[in-house]
């Protein structure tokens, strides 16, 4: 059995059946059926072993298009490992991961944006110089311009300061801008609020809310559940590599 309870539409999607056109109500007329949810990714009974240590244990979860999922759990619970499996940076030891229908993550990396806990930027360069460098690494996918993505995250593309002189909030925004360069449809964010002051963290949440409304799927890890609550459609809690709970959120943005 899966360690999470599936909805009726999830089960219909999994078996490949289609929603019926309708059902009869008490008066004999047809009522509209709820269409099945469109999945961005499916994790099915995934385990990830590092030697004898199991970082993930039989994790199953469906991620719907245009939703924000918040991963909670103590250090070592498996949150970052799950993100890396979804990003195609780690292959599961057991189980399967599919994204965008039937693709393995490593075959769809150009459609996935992964922001690690480390900023993955060069302190000696300005924000725009960093983004120009990373944009040149995408050989087969057209990227947004550095100026455009910097404006999307609320930064001035003409800023001449090097990254080493940025505040932590500005560094996190620049890191997010790097992820947004190729226009990813699935955003995987590892501790995006780390070391940010409260005002910067709230600005980041509002920014992510806009991407969610653009029908992008967001999966983020955090130890600050209250910060992510305004955009959380679902909250997934891991404990010792297993799914402890998968509950609906109450998004307000």
C-alpha atoms as a PDB file:
ATOM      1  CA  UNK A   1       0.000   0.000   0.000  1.00  0.00           C
ATOM      2  CA  UNK A   2       1.095   3.582  -0.590  1.00  0.00           C
ATOM      3  CA  UNK A   3       2.077   5.485   2.563  1.00  0.00           C
ATOM      4  CA  UNK A   4      -0.273   8.327   1.649  1.00  0.00           C
ATOM      5  CA  UNK A   5      -3.975   8.248   1.095  1.00  0.00           C
ATOM      6  CA  UNK A   6      -4.822   8.911  -2.530  1.00  0.00           C
ATOM      7  CA  UNK A   7      -7.796  10.909  -3.666  1.00  0.00           C
ATOM      8  CA  UNK A   8     -10.341   9.429  -6.071  1.00  0.00           C
ATOM      9  CA  UNK A   9      -8.945  11.482  -8.954  1.00  0.00           C
ATOM     10  CA  UNK A  10      -5.392  10.368  -8.136  1.00  0.00           C
ATOM     11  CA  UNK A  11      -6.445   6.736  -8.294  1.00  0.00           C
ATOM     12  CA  UNK A  12      -8.215   7.348 -11.596  1.00  0.00           C
ATOM     13  CA  UNK A  13      -5.078   8.935 -13.022  1.00  0.00           C
ATOM     14  CA  UNK A  14      -2.907   6.087 -11.788  1.00  0.00           C
ATOM     15  CA  UNK A  15      -5.014   3.430 -13.502  1.00  0.00           C
ATOM     16  CA  UNK A  16      -5.261   5.507 -16.661  1.00  0.00           C
ATOM     17  CA  UNK A  17      -9.061   5.610 -16.567  1.00  0.00           C
ATOM     18  CA  UNK A  18     -10.932   8.695 -17.695  1.00  0.00           C
ATOM     19  CA  UNK A  19     -13.449  10.722 -15.770  1.00  0.00           C
ATOM     20  CA  UNK A  20     -17.006   9.879 -16.711  1.00  0.00           C
ATOM     21  CA  UNK A  21     -19.089  12.483 -18.463  1.00  0.00           C
ATOM     22  CA  UNK A  22     -21.467  12.662 -15.542  1.00  0.00           C
ATOM     23  CA  UNK A  23     -23.712  10.805 -13.134  1.00  0.00           C
ATOM     24  CA  UNK A  24     -27.441  10.790 -12.553  1.00  0.00           C
ATOM     25  CA  UNK A  25     -28.821  12.824  -9.668  1.00  0.00           C
ATOM     26  CA  UNK A  26     -32.106  12.277  -7.876  1.00  0.00           C
ATOM     27  CA  UNK A  27     -34.080  13.922 -10.688  1.00  0.00           C
ATOM     28  CA  UNK A  28     -32.473  11.756 -13.350  1.00  0.00           C
ATOM     29  CA  UNK A  29     -30.460  14.575 -14.936  1.00  0.00           C
ATOM     30  CA  UNK A  30     -26.714  14.361 -15.415  1.00  0.00           C
ATOM     31  CA  UNK A  31     -24.310  16.124 -13.065  1.00  0.00           C
ATOM     32  CA  UNK A  32     -20.840  17.219 -14.125  1.00  0.00           C
ATOM     33  CA  UNK A  33     -17.947  14.997 -13.118  1.00  0.00           C
ATOM     34  CA  UNK A  34     -14.850  16.452 -11.526  1.00  0.00           C
ATOM     35  CA  UNK A  35     -11.984  16.210 -14.038  1.00  0.00           C
ATOM     36  CA  UNK A  36      -8.873  14.367 -12.886  1.00  0.00           C
ATOM     37  CA  UNK A  37      -5.977  16.487 -11.645  1.00  0.00           C
ATOM     38  CA  UNK A  38      -3.097  17.044 -14.048  1.00  0.00           C
ATOM     39  CA  UNK A  39       0.095  15.683 -12.546  1.00  0.00           C
ATOM     40  CA  UNK A  40       3.456  17.392 -12.809  1.00  0.00           C
ATOM     41  CA  UNK A  41       5.316  14.563 -11.084  1.00  0.00           C
ATOM     42  CA  UNK A  42       4.705  11.162  -9.536  1.00  0.00           C
ATOM     43  CA  UNK A  43       6.921   9.526  -6.931  1.00  0.00           C
ATOM     44  CA  UNK A  44       6.059   5.839  -6.566  1.00  0.00           C
ATOM     45  CA  UNK A  45       7.463   3.731  -3.704  1.00  0.00           C
ATOM     46  CA  UNK A  46      10.843   5.444  -3.859  1.00  0.00           C
ATOM     47  CA  UNK A  47      13.678   4.409  -1.565  1.00  0.00           C
ATOM     48  CA  UNK A  48      17.167   5.860  -1.662  1.00  0.00           C
ATOM     49  CA  UNK A  49      20.043   4.033   0.027  1.00  0.00           C
ATOM     50  CA  UNK A  50      23.507   5.360   0.783  1.00  0.00           C
ATOM     51  CA  UNK A  51      25.310   2.183   1.730  1.00  0.00           C
ATOM     52  CA  UNK A  52      23.239   0.700   4.536  1.00  0.00           C
ATOM     53  CA  UNK A  53      21.578   4.043   5.360  1.00  0.00           C
ATOM     54  CA  UNK A  54      18.084   4.588   3.944  1.00  0.00           C
ATOM     55  CA  UNK A  55      17.558   8.311   3.293  1.00  0.00           C
ATOM     56  CA  UNK A  56      14.128   7.636   1.741  1.00  0.00           C
ATOM     57  CA  UNK A  57      11.864   4.684   2.526  1.00  0.00           C
ATOM     58  CA  UNK A  58       8.950   3.781   0.243  1.00  0.00           C
ATOM     59  CA  UNK A  59       7.943   7.390  -0.459  1.00  0.00           C
ATOM     60  CA  UNK A  60       4.923   7.840  -2.725  1.00  0.00           C
ATOM     61  CA  UNK A  61       3.380  11.189  -3.602  1.00  0.00           C
ATOM     62  CA  UNK A  62       1.639  12.844  -6.555  1.00  0.00           C
ATOM     63  CA  UNK A  63       2.436  16.485  -7.349  1.00  0.00           C
ATOM     64  CA  UNK A  64      -0.250  18.376  -9.241  1.00  0.00           C
ATOM     65  CA  UNK A  65       0.417  21.090 -11.781  1.00  0.00           C
ATOM     66  CA  UNK A  66       0.321  24.654 -10.439  1.00  0.00           C
ATOM     67  CA  UNK A  67       0.477  23.673  -6.759  1.00  0.00           C
ATOM     68  CA  UNK A  68       2.934  24.504  -3.991  1.00  0.00           C
ATOM     69  CA  UNK A  69       4.152  21.661  -1.774  1.00  0.00           C
ATOM     70  CA  UNK A  70       5.977  22.350   1.476  1.00  0.00           C
ATOM     71  CA  UNK A  71       8.282  19.620   2.803  1.00  0.00           C
ATOM     72  CA  UNK A  72       8.750  19.526   6.560  1.00  0.00           C
ATOM     73  CA  UNK A  73      10.844  17.335   8.807  1.00  0.00           C
ATOM     74  CA  UNK A  74      13.828  17.303  11.099  1.00  0.00           C
ATOM     75  CA  UNK A  75      17.403  17.345   9.816  1.00  0.00           C
ATOM     76  CA  UNK A  76      18.079  13.987   8.168  1.00  0.00           C
ATOM     77  CA  UNK A  77      14.392  13.303   7.494  1.00  0.00           C
ATOM     78  CA  UNK A  78      15.029  13.031   3.733  1.00  0.00           C
ATOM     79  CA  UNK A  79      13.743  16.397   2.476  1.00  0.00           C
ATOM     80  CA  UNK A  80      16.830  17.412   0.480  1.00  0.00           C
ATOM     81  CA  UNK A  81      17.258  13.864  -0.829  1.00  0.00           C
ATOM     82  CA  UNK A  82      13.704  13.873  -2.150  1.00  0.00           C
ATOM     83  CA  UNK A  83      14.333  17.197  -3.916  1.00  0.00           C
ATOM     84  CA  UNK A  84      17.507  15.863  -5.512  1.00  0.00           C
ATOM     85  CA  UNK A  85      15.673  12.732  -6.696  1.00  0.00           C
ATOM     86  CA  UNK A  86      12.959  14.911  -8.247  1.00  0.00           C
ATOM     87  CA  UNK A  87      15.651  17.063  -9.882  1.00  0.00           C
ATOM     88  CA  UNK A  88      17.303  14.046 -11.480  1.00  0.00           C
ATOM     89  CA  UNK A  89      20.509  14.600  -9.502  1.00  0.00           C
ATOM     90  CA  UNK A  90      20.049  11.305  -7.651  1.00  0.00           C
ATOM     91  CA  UNK A  91      18.538   8.098  -8.986  1.00  0.00           C
ATOM     92  CA  UNK A  92      16.293   6.151  -6.618  1.00  0.00           C
ATOM     93  CA  UNK A  93      17.594   2.817  -5.397  1.00  0.00           C
ATOM     94  CA  UNK A  94      14.083   1.384  -5.591  1.00  0.00           C
ATOM     95  CA  UNK A  95      10.855   2.753  -7.039  1.00  0.00           C
ATOM     96  CA  UNK A  96      10.188   5.175  -9.876  1.00  0.00           C
ATOM     97  CA  UNK A  97       9.883   8.922 -10.460  1.00  0.00           C
ATOM     98  CA  UNK A  98       8.075  10.382 -13.457  1.00  0.00           C
ATOM     99  CA  UNK A  99       7.771  14.057 -14.396  1.00  0.00           C
ATOM    100  CA  UNK A 100       5.630  15.728 -17.058  1.00  0.00           C
ATOM    101  CA  UNK A 101       3.803  12.534 -17.948  1.00  0.00           C
ATOM    102  CA  UNK A 102       6.311   9.793 -18.612  1.00  0.00           C
ATOM    103  CA  UNK A 103       9.765  11.345 -18.419  1.00  0.00           C
ATOM    104  CA  UNK A 104      12.482  10.416 -15.959  1.00  0.00           C
ATOM    105  CA  UNK A 105      13.757  13.577 -14.211  1.00  0.00           C
ATOM    106  CA  UNK A 106      17.258  13.350 -15.719  1.00  0.00           C
ATOM    107  CA  UNK A 107      15.656  13.382 -19.191  1.00  0.00           C
ATOM    108  CA  UNK A 108      13.697  16.582 -18.454  1.00  0.00           C
ATOM    109  CA  UNK A 109      16.243  18.650 -16.552  1.00  0.00           C
ATOM    110  CA  UNK A 110      15.740  21.658 -18.819  1.00  0.00           C
ATOM    111  CA  UNK A 111      12.156  21.900 -17.499  1.00  0.00           C
ATOM    112  CA  UNK A 112      13.201  21.628 -13.849  1.00  0.00           C
ATOM    113  CA  UNK A 113      14.737  24.393 -11.732  1.00  0.00           C
ATOM    114  CA  UNK A 114      16.686  23.301  -8.649  1.00  0.00           C
ATOM    115  CA  UNK A 115      17.843  25.791  -6.003  1.00  0.00           C
ATOM    116  CA  UNK A 116      20.157  24.114  -3.525  1.00  0.00           C
ATOM    117  CA  UNK A 117      20.839  25.225   0.029  1.00  0.00           C
ATOM    118  CA  UNK A 118      24.158  26.683  -1.214  1.00  0.00           C
ATOM    119  CA  UNK A 119      23.705  29.707  -3.538  1.00  0.00           C
ATOM    120  CA  UNK A 120      25.857  28.241  -6.377  1.00  0.00           C
ATOM    121  CA  UNK A 121      27.004  31.739  -7.404  1.00  0.00           C
ATOM    122  CA  UNK A 122      30.339  33.526  -7.773  1.00  0.00           C
ATOM    123  CA  UNK A 123      31.057  36.238  -5.198  1.00  0.00           C
ATOM    124  CA  UNK A 124      33.516  38.018  -7.511  1.00  0.00           C
ATOM    125  CA  UNK A 125      30.819  38.735 -10.140  1.00  0.00           C
ATOM    126  CA  UNK A 126      27.783  41.009 -10.119  1.00  0.00           C
ATOM    127  CA  UNK A 127      24.319  39.493 -10.217  1.00  0.00           C
ATOM    128  CA  UNK A 128      23.969  40.173 -13.952  1.00  0.00           C
ATOM    129  CA  UNK A 129      27.438  38.735 -14.676  1.00  0.00           C
ATOM    130  CA  UNK A 130      26.567  35.570 -12.753  1.00  0.00           C
ATOM    131  CA  UNK A 131      23.388  35.104 -14.752  1.00  0.00           C
ATOM    132  CA  UNK A 132      25.065  35.730 -18.106  1.00  0.00           C
ATOM    133  CA  UNK A 133      27.582  33.016 -17.235  1.00  0.00           C
ATOM    134  CA  UNK A 134      24.899  30.472 -16.307  1.00  0.00           C
ATOM    135  CA  UNK A 135      22.711  31.367 -19.296  1.00  0.00           C
ATOM    136  CA  UNK A 136      25.594  30.424 -21.595  1.00  0.00           C
ATOM    137  CA  UNK A 137      25.564  26.910 -20.128  1.00  0.00           C
ATOM    138  CA  UNK A 138      22.130  26.207 -21.640  1.00  0.00           C
ATOM    139  CA  UNK A 139      23.046  25.112 -25.155  1.00  0.00           C
ATOM    140  CA  UNK A 140      19.680  23.780 -26.312  1.00  0.00           C
ATOM    141  CA  UNK A 141      17.190  25.966 -24.455  1.00  0.00           C
ATOM    142  CA  UNK A 142      16.508  29.648 -24.910  1.00  0.00           C
ATOM    143  CA  UNK A 143      16.849  31.561 -21.649  1.00  0.00           C
ATOM    144  CA  UNK A 144      15.302  34.728 -20.379  1.00  0.00           C
ATOM    145  CA  UNK A 145      17.646  37.685 -20.258  1.00  0.00           C
ATOM    146  CA  UNK A 146      19.553  38.309 -16.992  1.00  0.00           C
ATOM    147  CA  UNK A 147      17.915  41.735 -16.729  1.00  0.00           C
ATOM    148  CA  UNK A 148      14.434  40.201 -17.043  1.00  0.00           C
ATOM    149  CA  UNK A 149      14.873  37.569 -14.354  1.00  0.00           C
ATOM    150  CA  UNK A 150      16.575  40.011 -11.989  1.00  0.00           C
ATOM    151  CA  UNK A 151      13.564  42.305 -12.304  1.00  0.00           C
ATOM    152  CA  UNK A 152      11.267  39.311 -11.698  1.00  0.00           C
ATOM    153  CA  UNK A 153      12.923  38.723  -8.318  1.00  0.00           C
ATOM    154  CA  UNK A 154      12.946  42.401  -7.417  1.00  0.00           C
ATOM    155  CA  UNK A 155      16.620  43.235  -8.053  1.00  0.00           C
ATOM    156  CA  UNK A 156      18.158  46.046 -10.082  1.00  0.00           C
ATOM    157  CA  UNK A 157      19.958  44.586 -13.138  1.00  0.00           C
ATOM    158  CA  UNK A 158      22.197  47.683 -13.264  1.00  0.00           C
ATOM    159  CA  UNK A 159      23.572  47.110  -9.755  1.00  0.00           C
ATOM    160  CA  UNK A 160      27.371  47.173  -9.967  1.00  0.00           C
ATOM    161  CA  UNK A 161      28.142  45.616  -6.585  1.00  0.00           C
ATOM    162  CA  UNK A 162      29.628  42.136  -6.642  1.00  0.00           C
ATOM    163  CA  UNK A 163      27.698  39.293  -5.063  1.00  0.00           C
ATOM    164  CA  UNK A 164      30.071  39.226  -2.098  1.00  0.00           C
ATOM    165  CA  UNK A 165      28.638  42.597  -1.068  1.00  0.00           C
ATOM    166  CA  UNK A 166      25.001  41.473  -1.245  1.00  0.00           C
ATOM    167  CA  UNK A 167      22.787  40.942   1.789  1.00  0.00           C
ATOM    168  CA  UNK A 168      21.585  37.378   2.423  1.00  0.00           C
ATOM    169  CA  UNK A 169      18.147  38.253   1.050  1.00  0.00           C
ATOM    170  CA  UNK A 170      19.678  39.622  -2.163  1.00  0.00           C
ATOM    171  CA  UNK A 171      21.855  36.520  -2.520  1.00  0.00           C
ATOM    172  CA  UNK A 172      18.824  34.258  -2.190  1.00  0.00           C
ATOM    173  CA  UNK A 173      16.938  36.298  -4.787  1.00  0.00           C
ATOM    174  CA  UNK A 174      19.884  36.097  -7.185  1.00  0.00           C
ATOM    175  CA  UNK A 175      20.055  32.341  -6.627  1.00  0.00           C
ATOM    176  CA  UNK A 176      16.355  32.102  -7.473  1.00  0.00           C
ATOM    177  CA  UNK A 177      16.959  34.244 -10.583  1.00  0.00           C
ATOM    178  CA  UNK A 178      19.594  31.715 -11.708  1.00  0.00           C
ATOM    179  CA  UNK A 179      17.006  28.941 -11.368  1.00  0.00           C
ATOM    180  CA  UNK A 180      14.441  30.932 -13.368  1.00  0.00           C
ATOM    181  CA  UNK A 181      16.702  31.630 -16.370  1.00  0.00           C
ATOM    182  CA  UNK A 182      15.450  28.726 -18.562  1.00  0.00           C
ATOM    183  CA  UNK A 183      11.798  29.204 -17.553  1.00  0.00           C
ATOM    184  CA  UNK A 184      11.347  25.954 -15.579  1.00  0.00           C
ATOM    185  CA  UNK A 185       7.916  24.454 -15.016  1.00  0.00           C
ATOM    186  CA  UNK A 186       8.890  22.610 -11.817  1.00  0.00           C
ATOM    187  CA  UNK A 187      10.701  24.617  -9.109  1.00  0.00           C
ATOM    188  CA  UNK A 188      12.563  22.668  -6.410  1.00  0.00           C
ATOM    189  CA  UNK A 189      13.767  24.979  -3.637  1.00  0.00           C
ATOM    190  CA  UNK A 190      15.895  23.792  -0.713  1.00  0.00           C
ATOM    191  CA  UNK A 191      15.517  26.160   2.257  1.00  0.00           C
ATOM    192  CA  UNK A 192      14.777  29.306   0.208  1.00  0.00           C
ATOM    193  CA  UNK A 193      14.218  31.368   3.397  1.00  0.00           C
ATOM    194  CA  UNK A 194      17.507  30.348   5.013  1.00  0.00           C
ATOM    195  CA  UNK A 195      19.246  33.171   6.934  1.00  0.00           C
ATOM    196  CA  UNK A 196      16.818  35.778   5.591  1.00  0.00           C
ATOM    197  CA  UNK A 197      15.325  38.522   7.730  1.00  0.00           C
ATOM    198  CA  UNK A 198      11.551  38.465   8.179  1.00  0.00           C
ATOM    199  CA  UNK A 199      10.846  41.186   5.611  1.00  0.00           C
ATOM    200  CA  UNK A 200      13.009  39.534   2.930  1.00  0.00           C
ATOM    201  CA  UNK A 201      11.409  36.149   3.642  1.00  0.00           C
ATOM    202  CA  UNK A 202       7.897  37.578   3.200  1.00  0.00           C
ATOM    203  CA  UNK A 203       8.975  39.197  -0.073  1.00  0.00           C
ATOM    204  CA  UNK A 204      10.260  35.811  -1.237  1.00  0.00           C
ATOM    205  CA  UNK A 205       6.901  34.203  -0.364  1.00  0.00           C
ATOM    206  CA  UNK A 206       5.019  36.838  -2.372  1.00  0.00           C
ATOM    207  CA  UNK A 207       7.370  36.251  -5.282  1.00  0.00           C
ATOM    208  CA  UNK A 208       6.773  32.488  -5.182  1.00  0.00           C
ATOM    209  CA  UNK A 209       3.022  33.099  -5.009  1.00  0.00           C
ATOM    210  CA  UNK A 210       3.222  34.846  -8.392  1.00  0.00           C
ATOM    211  CA  UNK A 211       5.045  31.881  -9.933  1.00  0.00           C
ATOM    212  CA  UNK A 212       2.444  29.522  -8.488  1.00  0.00           C
ATOM    213  CA  UNK A 213      -0.310  31.552 -10.153  1.00  0.00           C
ATOM    214  CA  UNK A 214       1.610  31.165 -13.429  1.00  0.00           C
ATOM    215  CA  UNK A 215       0.770  27.438 -13.162  1.00  0.00           C
ATOM    216  CA  UNK A 216       4.265  26.374 -12.110  1.00  0.00           C
ATOM    217  CA  UNK A 217       4.655  23.614  -9.553  1.00  0.00           C
ATOM    218  CA  UNK A 218       6.759  24.492  -6.504  1.00  0.00           C
ATOM    219  CA  UNK A 219       8.270  22.067  -4.012  1.00  0.00           C
ATOM    220  CA  UNK A 220      10.195  23.669  -1.177  1.00  0.00           C
ATOM    221  CA  UNK A 221      11.783  22.573   2.066  1.00  0.00           C
ATOM    222  CA  UNK A 222      11.795  24.718   5.180  1.00  0.00           C
ATOM    223  CA  UNK A 223      12.054  24.625   8.948  1.00  0.00           C
ATOM    224  CA  UNK A 224       9.799  27.720   9.065  1.00  0.00           C
ATOM    225  CA  UNK A 225       6.358  26.344   8.303  1.00  0.00           C
ATOM    226  CA  UNK A 226       4.606  29.598   9.208  1.00  0.00           C
ATOM    227  CA  UNK A 227       6.508  31.485   6.489  1.00  0.00           C
ATOM    228  CA  UNK A 228       5.429  29.109   3.725  1.00  0.00           C
ATOM    229  CA  UNK A 229       1.851  28.702   4.973  1.00  0.00           C
ATOM    230  CA  UNK A 230       0.389  31.462   2.717  1.00  0.00           C
ATOM    231  CA  UNK A 231       1.358  29.536  -0.439  1.00  0.00           C
ATOM    232  CA  UNK A 232       1.166  25.924   0.780  1.00  0.00           C
ATOM    233  CA  UNK A 233      -1.446  23.866  -1.080  1.00  0.00           C
ATOM    234  CA  UNK A 234      -0.192  20.663   0.563  1.00  0.00           C
ATOM    235  CA  UNK A 235       2.197  19.959   3.425  1.00  0.00           C
ATOM    236  CA  UNK A 236       4.293  16.787   3.298  1.00  0.00           C
ATOM    237  CA  UNK A 237       6.052  15.776   6.509  1.00  0.00           C
ATOM    238  CA  UNK A 238       8.891  13.256   6.432  1.00  0.00           C
ATOM    239  CA  UNK A 239      10.290  11.371   9.397  1.00  0.00           C
ATOM    240  CA  UNK A 240      13.326   9.104   9.082  1.00  0.00           C
ATOM    241  CA  UNK A 241      12.822   8.918   5.313  1.00  0.00           C
ATOM    242  CA  UNK A 242       9.156   7.939   5.458  1.00  0.00           C
ATOM    243  CA  UNK A 243       5.994   9.945   4.780  1.00  0.00           C
ATOM    244  CA  UNK A 244       4.543  10.787   8.177  1.00  0.00           C
ATOM    245  CA  UNK A 245       1.668  12.911   6.875  1.00  0.00           C
ATOM    246  CA  UNK A 246       0.428  14.547   3.684  1.00  0.00           C
ATOM    247  CA  UNK A 247      -2.124  17.192   4.559  1.00  0.00           C
ATOM    248  CA  UNK A 248      -3.917  20.023   2.742  1.00  0.00           C
ATOM    249  CA  UNK A 249      -2.682  23.534   3.423  1.00  0.00           C
ATOM    250  CA  UNK A 250      -4.625  26.796   3.648  1.00  0.00           C
ATOM    251  CA  UNK A 251      -3.023  29.137   1.088  1.00  0.00           C
ATOM    252  CA  UNK A 252      -3.987  32.790   1.265  1.00  0.00           C
ATOM    253  CA  UNK A 253      -1.842  34.293  -1.531  1.00  0.00           C
END
